[in-house]
Amino acid sequence: MDAISQARSGIVNAMSNAGGAGANLSNAFSHGGDPAAAAVDQVKAANALRASLASLKTSSRLFTALLDIKV
């Protein structure tokens, strides 16, 4: 898989994890779960999203630079 596909996959996974973590956080407050663990999962998902977006941005810049060299 190329870097752009990997970044896209990471973004999709992070968004899915963020949604699940948000639901878990809401349930923790309303049904007596562990809000700290749910909040940590939400922060982890946000960090994974930032990392995947940075990877996508870097891949895009590299691809553009390679095209500029070719031309």
N, C-alpha and C. Protein backbone atom coordinates (compact mmCIF):
# COMPACT_ATOMS: atom_id res chain seq x y z
N MET A 1 0.83 -1.19 0.00
CA MET A 1 0.00 0.00 0.00
C MET A 1 0.87 1.25 0.00
N ASP A 2 0.43 2.24 -0.72
CA ASP A 2 1.20 3.48 -0.73
C ASP A 2 0.85 4.34 0.49
N ALA A 3 1.66 5.36 0.70
CA ALA A 3 1.53 6.19 1.91
C ALA A 3 0.19 6.91 1.97
N ILE A 4 -0.32 7.35 0.83
CA ILE A 4 -1.60 8.08 0.83
C ILE A 4 -2.74 7.14 1.23
N SER A 5 -2.71 5.92 0.74
CA SER A 5 -3.73 4.94 1.13
C SER A 5 -3.64 4.61 2.62
N GLN A 6 -2.41 4.49 3.11
CA GLN A 6 -2.22 4.21 4.54
C GLN A 6 -2.77 5.37 5.38
N ALA A 7 -2.48 6.60 4.96
CA ALA A 7 -2.96 7.78 5.70
C ALA A 7 -4.48 7.82 5.68
N ARG A 8 -5.07 7.53 4.54
CA ARG A 8 -6.53 7.53 4.42
C ARG A 8 -7.13 6.48 5.36
N SER A 9 -6.54 5.30 5.37
CA SER A 9 -7.01 4.24 6.26
C SER A 9 -6.89 4.66 7.73
N GLY A 10 -5.79 5.32 8.06
CA GLY A 10 -5.60 5.80 9.43
C GLY A 10 -6.63 6.84 9.81
N ILE A 11 -6.96 7.72 8.88
CA ILE A 11 -7.98 8.75 9.14
C ILE A 11 -9.34 8.11 9.38
N VAL A 12 -9.70 7.15 8.54
CA VAL A 12 -10.99 6.47 8.70
C VAL A 12 -11.05 5.75 10.04
N ASN A 13 -9.98 5.05 10.40
CA ASN A 13 -9.95 4.32 11.67
C ASN A 13 -10.02 5.28 12.86
N ALA A 14 -9.27 6.37 12.78
CA ALA A 14 -9.27 7.34 13.88
C ALA A 14 -10.64 7.98 14.05
N MET A 15 -11.29 8.29 12.95
CA MET A 15 -12.64 8.88 13.05
C MET A 15 -13.63 7.89 13.66
N SER A 16 -13.51 6.64 13.27
CA SER A 16 -14.37 5.61 13.84
C SER A 16 -14.11 5.45 15.34
N ASN A 17 -12.83 5.41 15.71
CA ASN A 17 -12.48 5.28 17.12
C ASN A 17 -12.93 6.49 17.93
N ALA A 18 -12.84 7.68 17.33
CA ALA A 18 -13.28 8.89 18.03
C ALA A 18 -14.78 8.85 18.28
N GLY A 19 -15.52 8.37 17.31
CA GLY A 19 -16.97 8.25 17.49
C GLY A 19 -17.32 7.26 18.58
N GLY A 20 -16.65 6.13 18.58
CA GLY A 20 -16.89 5.13 19.62
C GLY A 20 -16.49 5.63 20.99
N ALA A 21 -15.36 6.34 21.06
CA ALA A 21 -14.90 6.88 22.34
C ALA A 21 -15.86 7.95 22.86
N GLY A 22 -16.39 8.75 21.96
CA GLY A 22 -17.37 9.76 22.37
C GLY A 22 -18.64 9.13 22.92
N ALA A 23 -19.09 8.08 22.26
CA ALA A 23 -20.27 7.37 22.75
C ALA A 23 -19.99 6.72 24.10
N ASN A 24 -18.79 6.14 24.25
CA ASN A 24 -18.42 5.53 25.53
C ASN A 24 -18.35 6.57 26.65
N LEU A 25 -17.84 7.74 26.31
CA LEU A 25 -17.76 8.81 27.30
C LEU A 25 -19.15 9.25 27.75
N SER A 26 -20.03 9.40 26.79
CA SER A 26 -21.41 9.77 27.12
C SER A 26 -22.07 8.70 27.97
N ASN A 27 -21.89 7.46 27.60
CA ASN A 27 -22.47 6.35 28.37
C ASN A 27 -21.86 6.25 29.77
N ALA A 28 -20.58 6.55 29.89
CA ALA A 28 -19.92 6.48 31.19
C ALA A 28 -20.56 7.46 32.17
N PHE A 29 -20.89 8.64 31.69
CA PHE A 29 -21.50 9.63 32.57
C PHE A 29 -22.96 9.30 32.88
N SER A 30 -23.66 8.75 31.92
CA SER A 30 -25.08 8.51 32.15
C SER A 30 -25.36 7.15 32.78
N HIS A 31 -24.45 6.19 32.61
CA HIS A 31 -24.71 4.84 33.14
C HIS A 31 -23.66 4.37 34.14
N GLY A 32 -22.85 5.28 34.65
CA GLY A 32 -21.92 4.92 35.71
C GLY A 32 -20.70 4.13 35.27
N GLY A 33 -20.20 4.37 34.09
CA GLY A 33 -18.99 3.69 33.64
C GLY A 33 -17.74 4.42 34.09
N ASP A 34 -16.66 4.22 33.37
CA ASP A 34 -15.37 4.84 33.70
C ASP A 34 -15.09 5.99 32.73
N PRO A 35 -15.44 7.22 33.12
CA PRO A 35 -15.24 8.35 32.21
C PRO A 35 -13.77 8.63 31.92
N ALA A 36 -12.88 8.32 32.86
CA ALA A 36 -11.45 8.58 32.63
C ALA A 36 -10.91 7.72 31.48
N ALA A 37 -11.26 6.45 31.48
CA ALA A 37 -10.81 5.56 30.40
C ALA A 37 -11.39 5.99 29.06
N ALA A 38 -12.65 6.39 29.06
CA ALA A 38 -13.29 6.84 27.83
C ALA A 38 -12.64 8.13 27.32
N ALA A 39 -12.28 9.03 28.24
CA ALA A 39 -11.63 10.28 27.85
C ALA A 39 -10.24 10.00 27.28
N VAL A 40 -9.52 9.06 27.87
CA VAL A 40 -8.20 8.69 27.35
C VAL A 40 -8.34 8.11 25.94
N ASP A 41 -9.33 7.27 25.72
CA ASP A 41 -9.56 6.71 24.38
C ASP A 41 -9.87 7.81 23.37
N GLN A 42 -10.60 8.81 23.81
CA GLN A 42 -10.93 9.92 22.91
C GLN A 42 -9.69 10.72 22.55
N VAL A 43 -8.81 10.96 23.51
CA VAL A 43 -7.56 11.68 23.25
C VAL A 43 -6.67 10.86 22.33
N LYS A 44 -6.61 9.55 22.55
CA LYS A 44 -5.80 8.68 21.69
C LYS A 44 -6.30 8.73 20.25
N ALA A 45 -7.62 8.72 20.07
CA ALA A 45 -8.20 8.79 18.72
C ALA A 45 -7.88 10.13 18.07
N ALA A 46 -7.93 11.21 18.83
CA ALA A 46 -7.61 12.53 18.28
C ALA A 46 -6.14 12.60 17.87
N ASN A 47 -5.26 12.03 18.67
CA ASN A 47 -3.84 12.02 18.32
C ASN A 47 -3.57 11.16 17.09
N ALA A 48 -4.26 10.04 16.98
CA ALA A 48 -4.11 9.18 15.80
C ALA A 48 -4.58 9.91 14.55
N LEU A 49 -5.65 10.68 14.68
CA LEU A 49 -6.15 11.46 13.55
C LEU A 49 -5.13 12.51 13.13
N ARG A 50 -4.57 13.23 14.10
CA ARG A 50 -3.55 14.24 13.78
C ARG A 50 -2.35 13.60 13.08
N ALA A 51 -1.92 12.45 13.55
CA ALA A 51 -0.77 11.77 12.95
C ALA A 51 -1.08 11.34 11.52
N SER A 52 -2.26 10.81 11.30
CA SER A 52 -2.63 10.39 9.94
C SER A 52 -2.75 11.57 9.00
N LEU A 53 -3.30 12.68 9.49
CA LEU A 53 -3.39 13.89 8.66
C LEU A 53 -2.00 14.44 8.33
N ALA A 54 -1.10 14.39 9.28
CA ALA A 54 0.27 14.85 9.03
C ALA A 54 0.95 13.95 8.00
N SER A 55 0.70 12.65 8.09
CA SER A 55 1.26 11.71 7.12
C SER A 55 0.71 11.99 5.72
N LEU A 56 -0.57 12.25 5.63
CA LEU A 56 -1.18 12.57 4.34
C LEU A 56 -0.59 13.86 3.76
N LYS A 57 -0.44 14.86 4.59
CA LYS A 57 0.13 16.13 4.15
C LYS A 57 1.57 15.96 3.66
N THR A 58 2.35 15.20 4.41
CA THR A 58 3.74 14.96 4.03
C THR A 58 3.81 14.17 2.72
N SER A 59 2.98 13.16 2.58
CA SER A 59 2.96 12.37 1.35
C SER A 59 2.58 13.23 0.15
N SER A 60 1.63 14.10 0.35
CA SER A 60 1.21 14.99 -0.72
C SER A 60 2.34 15.93 -1.14
N ARG A 61 3.02 16.48 -0.14
CA ARG A 61 4.15 17.37 -0.44
C ARG A 61 5.26 16.62 -1.17
N LEU A 62 5.55 15.40 -0.75
CA LEU A 62 6.59 14.61 -1.38
C LEU A 62 6.22 14.29 -2.82
N PHE A 63 4.98 13.90 -3.04
CA PHE A 63 4.51 13.59 -4.38
C PHE A 63 4.61 14.82 -5.28
N THR A 64 4.21 15.98 -4.76
CA THR A 64 4.31 17.23 -5.52
C THR A 64 5.76 17.56 -5.85
N ALA A 65 6.65 17.37 -4.89
CA ALA A 65 8.07 17.64 -5.11
C ALA A 65 8.65 16.72 -6.17
N LEU A 66 8.26 15.45 -6.14
CA LEU A 66 8.73 14.51 -7.16
C LEU A 66 8.23 14.88 -8.54
N LEU A 67 7.00 15.34 -8.63
CA LEU A 67 6.48 15.78 -9.93
C LEU A 67 7.22 17.01 -10.43
N ASP A 68 7.54 17.92 -9.51
CA ASP A 68 8.29 19.12 -9.91
C ASP A 68 9.68 18.77 -10.42
N ILE A 69 10.32 17.77 -9.84
CA ILE A 69 11.63 17.34 -10.29
C ILE A 69 11.53 16.71 -11.67
N LYS A 70 10.50 15.92 -11.88
CA LYS A 70 10.30 15.23 -13.16
C LYS A 70 10.10 16.20 -14.32
N VAL A 71 9.42 17.30 -14.06
CA VAL A 71 9.06 18.26 -15.12
C VAL A 71 10.15 19.18 -15.39
